[in-house]
Amino acid sequence: MIEFSDGETVDTDGKLRVEKGPEGYYVVGDGIFMSFDREIDAQAYLYDIESKNIFCYWKMFRSPVTRKKVRDAEEREQREKLIS
């Protein structure tokens, strides 16, 4: 949960999603909070995360379990590159 100085809160738990806020749009969920001016940009970013077009490195800092998953995924990707 993120709380801003004006008292507004954003719940970063749960499934990744786009939410409209007073100052734009946010991609939130799975511990992520990213701000965008336009909904289309937020939707595109969400799509990139879900389709693995981009890799969210900040997830490495969330928990030991998540850090291990990230390391395992990186190692798998490196092995696949070596094989092909």
PDB file of N, CA and C in Angstrom:
ATOM      1  N   MET A   1       0.855  -1.173   0.000  1.00  0.00           N
ATOM      2  CA  MET A   1       0.000   0.000   0.000  1.00  0.00           C
ATOM      3  C   MET A   1       0.901   1.237   0.000  1.00  0.00           C
ATOM      4  N   ILE A   2       0.618   2.149  -0.904  1.00  0.00           N
ATOM      5  CA  ILE A   2       1.340   3.423  -0.969  1.00  0.00           C
ATOM      6  C   ILE A   2       0.386   4.514  -0.524  1.00  0.00           C
ATOM      7  N   GLU A   3       0.872   5.373   0.375  1.00  0.00           N
ATOM      8  CA  GLU A   3       0.044   6.497   0.824  1.00  0.00           C
ATOM      9  C   GLU A   3       0.757   7.796   0.481  1.00  0.00           C
ATOM     10  N   PHE A   4       0.035   8.686  -0.202  1.00  0.00           N
ATOM     11  CA  PHE A   4       0.584   9.968  -0.599  1.00  0.00           C
ATOM     12  C   PHE A   4       0.323  11.016   0.476  1.00  0.00           C
ATOM     13  N   SER A   5       1.034  12.133   0.386  1.00  0.00           N
ATOM     14  CA  SER A   5       0.915  13.179   1.399  1.00  0.00           C
ATOM     15  C   SER A   5      -0.487  13.791   1.460  1.00  0.00           C
ATOM     16  N   ASP A   6      -1.259  13.677   0.371  1.00  0.00           N
ATOM     17  CA  ASP A   6      -2.624  14.221   0.381  1.00  0.00           C
ATOM     18  C   ASP A   6      -3.632  13.225   0.957  1.00  0.00           C
ATOM     19  N   GLY A   7      -3.134  12.072   1.414  1.00  0.00           N
ATOM     20  CA  GLY A   7      -4.007  11.075   2.017  1.00  0.00           C
ATOM     21  C   GLY A   7      -4.493  10.004   1.065  1.00  0.00           C
ATOM     22  N   GLU A   8      -4.274  10.193  -0.232  1.00  0.00           N
ATOM     23  CA  GLU A   8      -4.690   9.176  -1.205  1.00  0.00           C
ATOM     24  C   GLU A   8      -3.838   7.927  -1.023  1.00  0.00           C
ATOM     25  N   THR A   9      -4.443   6.773  -1.178  1.00  0.00           N
ATOM     26  CA  THR A   9      -3.711   5.515  -1.080  1.00  0.00           C
ATOM     27  C   THR A   9      -3.899   4.701  -2.352  1.00  0.00           C
ATOM     28  N   VAL A  10      -2.891   3.904  -2.667  1.00  0.00           N
ATOM     29  CA  VAL A  10      -2.941   3.001  -3.808  1.00  0.00           C
ATOM     30  C   VAL A  10      -2.504   1.630  -3.304  1.00  0.00           C
ATOM     31  N   ASP A  11      -3.338   0.633  -3.530  1.00  0.00           N
ATOM     32  CA  ASP A  11      -3.034  -0.731  -3.115  1.00  0.00           C
ATOM     33  C   ASP A  11      -2.243  -1.413  -4.222  1.00  0.00           C
ATOM     34  N   THR A  12      -0.995  -1.760  -3.943  1.00  0.00           N
ATOM     35  CA  THR A  12      -0.146  -2.388  -4.958  1.00  0.00           C
ATOM     36  C   THR A  12      -0.197  -3.911  -4.898  1.00  0.00           C
ATOM     37  N   ASP A  13      -1.037  -4.459  -4.039  1.00  0.00           N
ATOM     38  CA  ASP A  13      -1.196  -5.910  -3.970  1.00  0.00           C
ATOM     39  C   ASP A  13      -2.147  -6.380  -5.067  1.00  0.00           C
ATOM     40  N   GLY A  14      -2.176  -7.661  -5.284  1.00  0.00           N
ATOM     41  CA  GLY A  14      -3.119  -8.241  -6.237  1.00  0.00           C
ATOM     42  C   GLY A  14      -2.560  -8.295  -7.642  1.00  0.00           C
ATOM     43  N   LYS A  15      -3.451  -8.646  -8.549  1.00  0.00           N
ATOM     44  CA  LYS A  15      -3.107  -8.806  -9.963  1.00  0.00           C
ATOM     45  C   LYS A  15      -2.755  -7.460 -10.586  1.00  0.00           C
ATOM     46  N   LEU A  16      -1.838  -7.482 -11.556  1.00  0.00           N
ATOM     47  CA  LEU A  16      -1.497  -6.256 -12.284  1.00  0.00           C
ATOM     48  C   LEU A  16      -2.725  -5.705 -12.990  1.00  0.00           C
ATOM     49  N   ARG A  17      -2.873  -4.391 -12.939  1.00  0.00           N
ATOM     50  CA  ARG A  17      -4.041  -3.733 -13.524  1.00  0.00           C
ATOM     51  C   ARG A  17      -3.733  -2.261 -13.769  1.00  0.00           C
ATOM     52  N   VAL A  18      -4.595  -1.604 -14.531  1.00  0.00           N
ATOM     53  CA  VAL A  18      -4.502  -0.164 -14.749  1.00  0.00           C
ATOM     54  C   VAL A  18      -5.601   0.496 -13.925  1.00  0.00           C
ATOM     55  N   GLU A  19      -5.229   1.512 -13.167  1.00  0.00           N
ATOM     56  CA  GLU A  19      -6.202   2.274 -12.377  1.00  0.00           C
ATOM     57  C   GLU A  19      -6.089   3.750 -12.732  1.00  0.00           C
ATOM     58  N   LYS A  20      -7.232   4.430 -12.731  1.00  0.00           N
ATOM     59  CA  LYS A  20      -7.254   5.872 -12.963  1.00  0.00           C
ATOM     60  C   LYS A  20      -7.101   6.572 -11.627  1.00  0.00           C
ATOM     61  N   GLY A  21      -6.211   7.540 -11.566  1.00  0.00           N
ATOM     62  CA  GLY A  21      -5.998   8.331 -10.363  1.00  0.00           C
ATOM     63  C   GLY A  21      -6.232   9.803 -10.660  1.00  0.00           C
ATOM     64  N   PRO A  22      -6.101  10.643  -9.648  1.00  0.00           N
ATOM     65  CA  PRO A  22      -6.358  12.075  -9.842  1.00  0.00           C
ATOM     66  C   PRO A  22      -5.349  12.760 -10.759  1.00  0.00           C
ATOM     67  N   GLU A  23      -4.166  12.175 -10.903  1.00  0.00           N
ATOM     68  CA  GLU A  23      -3.135  12.811 -11.724  1.00  0.00           C
ATOM     69  C   GLU A  23      -2.721  11.959 -12.916  1.00  0.00           C
ATOM     70  N   GLY A  24      -3.551  11.016 -13.307  1.00  0.00           N
ATOM     71  CA  GLY A  24      -3.214  10.188 -14.459  1.00  0.00           C
ATOM     72  C   GLY A  24      -3.634   8.756 -14.255  1.00  0.00           C
ATOM     73  N   TYR A  25      -2.879   7.856 -14.851  1.00  0.00           N
ATOM     74  CA  TYR A  25      -3.181   6.430 -14.799  1.00  0.00           C
ATOM     75  C   TYR A  25      -2.001   5.699 -14.181  1.00  0.00           C
ATOM     76  N   TYR A  26      -2.303   4.608 -13.502  1.00  0.00           N
ATOM     77  CA  TYR A  26      -1.263   3.842 -12.827  1.00  0.00           C
ATOM     78  C   TYR A  26      -1.349   2.376 -13.233  1.00  0.00           C
ATOM     79  N   VAL A  27      -0.186   1.762 -13.420  1.00  0.00           N
ATOM     80  CA  VAL A  27      -0.105   0.311 -13.507  1.00  0.00           C
ATOM     81  C   VAL A  27       0.272  -0.128 -12.104  1.00  0.00           C
ATOM     82  N   VAL A  28      -0.620  -0.885 -11.477  1.00  0.00           N
ATOM     83  CA  VAL A  28      -0.410  -1.316 -10.096  1.00  0.00           C
ATOM     84  C   VAL A  28      -0.688  -2.809  -9.978  1.00  0.00           C
ATOM     85  N   GLY A  29      -0.132  -3.395  -8.935  1.00  0.00           N
ATOM     86  CA  GLY A  29      -0.335  -4.805  -8.643  1.00  0.00           C
ATOM     87  C   GLY A  29       0.985  -5.536  -8.610  1.00  0.00           C
ATOM     88  N   ASP A  30       1.002  -6.666  -7.936  1.00  0.00           N
ATOM     89  CA  ASP A  30       2.206  -7.472  -7.823  1.00  0.00           C
ATOM     90  C   ASP A  30       3.371  -6.643  -7.279  1.00  0.00           C
ATOM     91  N   GLY A  31       3.051  -5.660  -6.423  1.00  0.00           N
ATOM     92  CA  GLY A  31       4.075  -4.808  -5.820  1.00  0.00           C
ATOM     93  C   GLY A  31       4.586  -3.702  -6.714  1.00  0.00           C
ATOM     94  N   ILE A  32       3.990  -3.531  -7.886  1.00  0.00           N
ATOM     95  CA  ILE A  32       4.439  -2.525  -8.857  1.00  0.00           C
ATOM     96  C   ILE A  32       3.546  -1.295  -8.785  1.00  0.00           C
ATOM     97  N   PHE A  33       4.146  -0.126  -8.944  1.00  0.00           N
ATOM     98  CA  PHE A  33       3.404   1.130  -9.060  1.00  0.00           C
ATOM     99  C   PHE A  33       4.132   2.004 -10.073  1.00  0.00           C
ATOM    100  N   MET A  34       3.518   2.208 -11.236  1.00  0.00           N
ATOM    101  CA  MET A  34       4.087   3.055 -12.279  1.00  0.00           C
ATOM    102  C   MET A  34       3.030   4.062 -12.706  1.00  0.00           C
ATOM    103  N   SER A  35       3.447   5.304 -12.873  1.00  0.00           N
ATOM    104  CA  SER A  35       2.530   6.385 -13.218  1.00  0.00           C
ATOM    105  C   SER A  35       2.648   6.743 -14.694  1.00  0.00           C
ATOM    106  N   PHE A  36       1.489   7.033 -15.330  1.00  0.00           N
ATOM    107  CA  PHE A  36       1.447   7.429 -16.741  1.00  0.00           C
ATOM    108  C   PHE A  36       0.457   8.562 -16.917  1.00  0.00           C
ATOM    109  N   ASP A  37       0.715   9.434 -17.875  1.00  0.00           N
ATOM    110  CA  ASP A  37      -0.196  10.536 -18.171  1.00  0.00           C
ATOM    111  C   ASP A  37      -1.430  10.063 -18.940  1.00  0.00           C
ATOM    112  N   ARG A  38      -1.220   9.075 -19.814  1.00  0.00           N
ATOM    113  CA  ARG A  38      -2.314   8.630 -20.675  1.00  0.00           C
ATOM    114  C   ARG A  38      -2.647   7.165 -20.421  1.00  0.00           C
ATOM    115  N   GLU A  39      -3.927   6.843 -20.516  1.00  0.00           N
ATOM    116  CA  GLU A  39      -4.366   5.469 -20.300  1.00  0.00           C
ATOM    117  C   GLU A  39      -3.744   4.528 -21.321  1.00  0.00           C
ATOM    118  N   ILE A  40      -3.632   4.956 -22.563  1.00  0.00           N
ATOM    119  CA  ILE A  40      -3.083   4.088 -23.602  1.00  0.00           C
ATOM    120  C   ILE A  40      -1.644   3.682 -23.289  1.00  0.00           C
ATOM    121  N   ASP A  41      -0.871   4.608 -22.694  1.00  0.00           N
ATOM    122  CA  ASP A  41       0.503   4.290 -22.316  1.00  0.00           C
ATOM    123  C   ASP A  41       0.540   3.281 -21.172  1.00  0.00           C
ATOM    124  N   ALA A  42      -0.351   3.445 -20.211  1.00  0.00           N
ATOM    125  CA  ALA A  42      -0.433   2.505 -19.089  1.00  0.00           C
ATOM    126  C   ALA A  42      -0.838   1.120 -19.585  1.00  0.00           C
ATOM    127  N   GLN A  43      -1.819   1.072 -20.488  1.00  0.00           N
ATOM    128  CA  GLN A  43      -2.262  -0.213 -21.037  1.00  0.00           C
ATOM    129  C   GLN A  43      -1.133  -0.890 -21.824  1.00  0.00           C
ATOM    130  N   ALA A  44      -0.380  -0.108 -22.591  1.00  0.00           N
ATOM    131  CA  ALA A  44       0.725  -0.659 -23.372  1.00  0.00           C
ATOM    132  C   ALA A  44       1.810  -1.215 -22.446  1.00  0.00           C
ATOM    133  N   TYR A  45       2.102  -0.512 -21.369  1.00  0.00           N
ATOM    134  CA  TYR A  45       3.112  -0.971 -20.420  1.00  0.00           C
ATOM    135  C   TYR A  45       2.658  -2.260 -19.746  1.00  0.00           C
ATOM    136  N   LEU A  46       1.395  -2.307 -19.353  1.00  0.00           N
ATOM    137  CA  LEU A  46       0.836  -3.510 -18.742  1.00  0.00           C
ATOM    138  C   LEU A  46       0.945  -4.685 -19.719  1.00  0.00           C
ATOM    139  N   TYR A  47       0.617  -4.445 -20.962  1.00  0.00           N
ATOM    140  CA  TYR A  47       0.726  -5.492 -21.987  1.00  0.00           C
ATOM    141  C   TYR A  47       2.174  -5.983 -22.093  1.00  0.00           C
ATOM    142  N   ASP A  48       3.127  -5.048 -22.111  1.00  0.00           N
ATOM    143  CA  ASP A  48       4.533  -5.433 -22.221  1.00  0.00           C
ATOM    144  C   ASP A  48       4.977  -6.284 -21.038  1.00  0.00           C
ATOM    145  N   ILE A  49       4.529  -5.945 -19.840  1.00  0.00           N
ATOM    146  CA  ILE A  49       4.887  -6.743 -18.665  1.00  0.00           C
ATOM    147  C   ILE A  49       4.281  -8.137 -18.790  1.00  0.00           C
ATOM    148  N   GLU A  50       3.001  -8.203 -19.095  1.00  0.00           N
ATOM    149  CA  GLU A  50       2.314  -9.489 -19.143  1.00  0.00           C
ATOM    150  C   GLU A  50       2.810 -10.381 -20.279  1.00  0.00           C
ATOM    151  N   SER A  51       3.210  -9.790 -21.390  1.00  0.00           N
ATOM    152  CA  SER A  51       3.683 -10.588 -22.520  1.00  0.00           C
ATOM    153  C   SER A  51       5.190 -10.817 -22.453  1.00  0.00           C
ATOM    154  N   LYS A  52       5.809 -10.335 -21.395  1.00  0.00           N
ATOM    155  CA  LYS A  52       7.246 -10.500 -21.155  1.00  0.00           C
ATOM    156  C   LYS A  52       8.094  -9.814 -22.227  1.00  0.00           C
ATOM    157  N   ASN A  53       7.533  -8.756 -22.846  1.00  0.00           N
ATOM    158  CA  ASN A  53       8.327  -7.948 -23.770  1.00  0.00           C
ATOM    159  C   ASN A  53       9.376  -7.141 -23.009  1.00  0.00           C
ATOM    160  N   ILE A  54       9.090  -6.868 -21.734  1.00  0.00           N
ATOM    161  CA  ILE A  54      10.060  -6.205 -20.866  1.00  0.00           C
ATOM    162  C   ILE A  54      10.162  -7.020 -19.594  1.00  0.00           C
ATOM    163  N   PHE A  55      11.267  -6.902 -18.925  1.00  0.00           N
ATOM    164  CA  PHE A  55      11.475  -7.643 -17.685  1.00  0.00           C
ATOM    165  C   PHE A  55      11.565  -6.644 -16.550  1.00  0.00           C
ATOM    166  N   CYS A  56      10.772  -6.819 -15.546  1.00  0.00           N
ATOM    167  CA  CYS A  56      10.691  -5.860 -14.444  1.00  0.00           C
ATOM    168  C   CYS A  56      11.733  -6.176 -13.387  1.00  0.00           C
ATOM    169  N   TYR A  57      12.894  -5.585 -13.490  1.00  0.00           N
ATOM    170  CA  TYR A  57      13.975  -5.880 -12.562  1.00  0.00           C
ATOM    171  C   TYR A  57      13.692  -5.439 -11.138  1.00  0.00           C
ATOM    172  N   TRP A  58      12.854  -4.420 -10.938  1.00  0.00           N
ATOM    173  CA  TRP A  58      12.588  -3.970  -9.566  1.00  0.00           C
ATOM    174  C   TRP A  58      11.917  -5.050  -8.742  1.00  0.00           C
ATOM    175  N   LYS A  59      11.334  -6.042  -9.372  1.00  0.00           N
ATOM    176  CA  LYS A  59      10.735  -7.148  -8.629  1.00  0.00           C
ATOM    177  C   LYS A  59      11.795  -7.920  -7.854  1.00  0.00           C
ATOM    178  N   MET A  60      13.036  -7.812  -8.242  1.00  0.00           N
ATOM    179  CA  MET A  60      14.105  -8.515  -7.551  1.00  0.00           C
ATOM    180  C   MET A  60      14.205  -8.082  -6.096  1.00  0.00           C
ATOM    181  N   PHE A  61      13.794  -6.899  -5.782  1.00  0.00           N
ATOM    182  CA  PHE A  61      13.961  -6.357  -4.447  1.00  0.00           C
ATOM    183  C   PHE A  61      12.785  -6.643  -3.523  1.00  0.00           C
ATOM    184  N   ARG A  62      11.747  -7.288  -4.015  1.00  0.00           N
ATOM    185  CA  ARG A  62      10.537  -7.467  -3.229  1.00  0.00           C
ATOM    186  C   ARG A  62      10.688  -8.488  -2.118  1.00  0.00           C
ATOM    187  N   SER A  63      11.206  -9.643  -2.416  1.00  0.00           N
ATOM    188  CA  SER A  63      11.302 -10.694  -1.412  1.00  0.00           C
ATOM    189  C   SER A  63      12.343 -11.714  -1.859  1.00  0.00           C
ATOM    190  N   PRO A  64      12.858 -12.513  -0.907  1.00  0.00           N
ATOM    191  CA  PRO A  64      13.815 -13.548  -1.298  1.00  0.00           C
ATOM    192  C   PRO A  64      13.231 -14.535  -2.308  1.00  0.00           C
ATOM    193  N   VAL A  65      11.970 -14.881  -2.146  1.00  0.00           N
ATOM    194  CA  VAL A  65      11.333 -15.823  -3.078  1.00  0.00           C
ATOM    195  C   VAL A  65      11.276 -15.221  -4.477  1.00  0.00           C
ATOM    196  N   THR A  66      10.886 -13.962  -4.571  1.00  0.00           N
ATOM    197  CA  THR A  66      10.803 -13.303  -5.874  1.00  0.00           C
ATOM    198  C   THR A  66      12.184 -13.148  -6.481  1.00  0.00           C
ATOM    199  N   ARG A  67      13.182 -12.780  -5.665  1.00  0.00           N
ATOM    200  CA  ARG A  67      14.544 -12.662  -6.192  1.00  0.00           C
ATOM    201  C   ARG A  67      15.012 -13.986  -6.778  1.00  0.00           C
ATOM    202  N   LYS A  68      14.696 -15.101  -6.118  1.00  0.00           N
ATOM    203  CA  LYS A  68      15.076 -16.423  -6.630  1.00  0.00           C
ATOM    204  C   LYS A  68      14.367 -16.714  -7.954  1.00  0.00           C
ATOM    205  N   LYS A  69      13.084 -16.380  -8.042  1.00  0.00           N
ATOM    206  CA  LYS A  69      12.356 -16.590  -9.295  1.00  0.00           C
ATOM    207  C   LYS A  69      12.982 -15.793 -10.429  1.00  0.00           C
ATOM    208  N   VAL A  70      13.370 -14.552 -10.138  1.00  0.00           N
ATOM    209  CA  VAL A  70      13.974 -13.701 -11.158  1.00  0.00           C
ATOM    210  C   VAL A  70      15.310 -14.287 -11.594  1.00  0.00           C
ATOM    211  N   ARG A  71      16.135 -14.697 -10.634  1.00  0.00           N
ATOM    212  CA  ARG A  71      17.428 -15.306 -10.982  1.00  0.00           C
ATOM    213  C   ARG A  71      17.228 -16.569 -11.810  1.00  0.00           C
ATOM    214  N   ASP A  72      16.280 -17.411 -11.412  1.00  0.00           N
ATOM    215  CA  ASP A  72      16.003 -18.647 -12.162  1.00  0.00           C
ATOM    216  C   ASP A  72      15.561 -18.335 -13.589  1.00  0.00           C
ATOM    217  N   ALA A  73      14.703 -17.335 -13.744  1.00  0.00           N
ATOM    218  CA  ALA A  73      14.230 -16.959 -15.077  1.00  0.00           C
ATOM    219  C   ALA A  73      15.374 -16.431 -15.929  1.00  0.00           C
ATOM    220  N   GLU A  74      16.259 -15.640 -15.336  1.00  0.00           N
ATOM    221  CA  GLU A  74      17.402 -15.122 -16.085  1.00  0.00           C
ATOM    222  C   GLU A  74      18.329 -16.246 -16.513  1.00  0.00           C
ATOM    223  N   GLU A  75      18.562 -17.208 -15.609  1.00  0.00           N
ATOM    224  CA  GLU A  75      19.422 -18.345 -15.939  1.00  0.00           C
ATOM    225  C   GLU A  75      18.817 -19.194 -17.059  1.00  0.00           C
ATOM    226  N   ARG A  76      17.492 -19.426 -17.005  1.00  0.00           N
ATOM    227  CA  ARG A  76      16.820 -20.177 -18.070  1.00  0.00           C
ATOM    228  C   ARG A  76      16.979 -19.462 -19.410  1.00  0.00           C
ATOM    229  N   GLU A  77      16.799 -18.151 -19.390  1.00  0.00           N
ATOM    230  CA  GLU A  77      16.914 -17.372 -20.619  1.00  0.00           C
ATOM    231  C   GLU A  77      18.331 -17.461 -21.186  1.00  0.00           C
ATOM    232  N   GLN A  78      19.331 -17.384 -20.326  1.00  0.00           N
ATOM    233  CA  GLN A  78      20.716 -17.492 -20.794  1.00  0.00           C
ATOM    234  C   GLN A  78      21.002 -18.869 -21.374  1.00  0.00           C
ATOM    235  N   ARG A  79      20.497 -19.939 -20.720  1.00  0.00           N
ATOM    236  CA  ARG A  79      20.696 -21.293 -21.242  1.00  0.00           C
ATOM    237  C   ARG A  79      20.045 -21.446 -22.604  1.00  0.00           C
ATOM    238  N   GLU A  80      18.825 -20.899 -22.754  1.00  0.00           N
ATOM    239  CA  GLU A  80      18.120 -21.003 -24.030  1.00  0.00           C
ATOM    240  C   GLU A  80      18.886 -20.280 -25.133  1.00  0.00           C
ATOM    241  N   LYS A  81      19.489 -19.161 -24.815  1.00  0.00           N
ATOM    242  CA  LYS A  81      20.280 -18.420 -25.822  1.00  0.00           C
ATOM    243  C   LYS A  81      21.503 -19.224 -26.238  1.00  0.00           C
ATOM    244  N   LEU A  82      22.129 -19.916 -25.287  1.00  0.00           N
ATOM    245  CA  LEU A  82      23.309 -20.726 -25.607  1.00  0.00           C
ATOM    246  C   LEU A  82      22.953 -21.916 -26.479  1.00  0.00           C
ATOM    247  N   ILE A  83      21.779 -22.480 -26.242  1.00  0.00           N
ATOM    248  CA  ILE A  83      21.343 -23.654 -27.004  1.00  0.00           C
ATOM    249  C   ILE A  83      21.003 -23.277 -28.441  1.00  0.00           C
ATOM    250  N   SER A  84      20.399 -22.114 -28.629  1.00  0.00           N
ATOM    251  CA  SER A  84      19.955 -21.742 -29.984  1.00  0.00           C
ATOM    252  C   SER A  84      21.018 -21.067 -30.791  1.00  0.00           C
TER     253      SER A  84
END
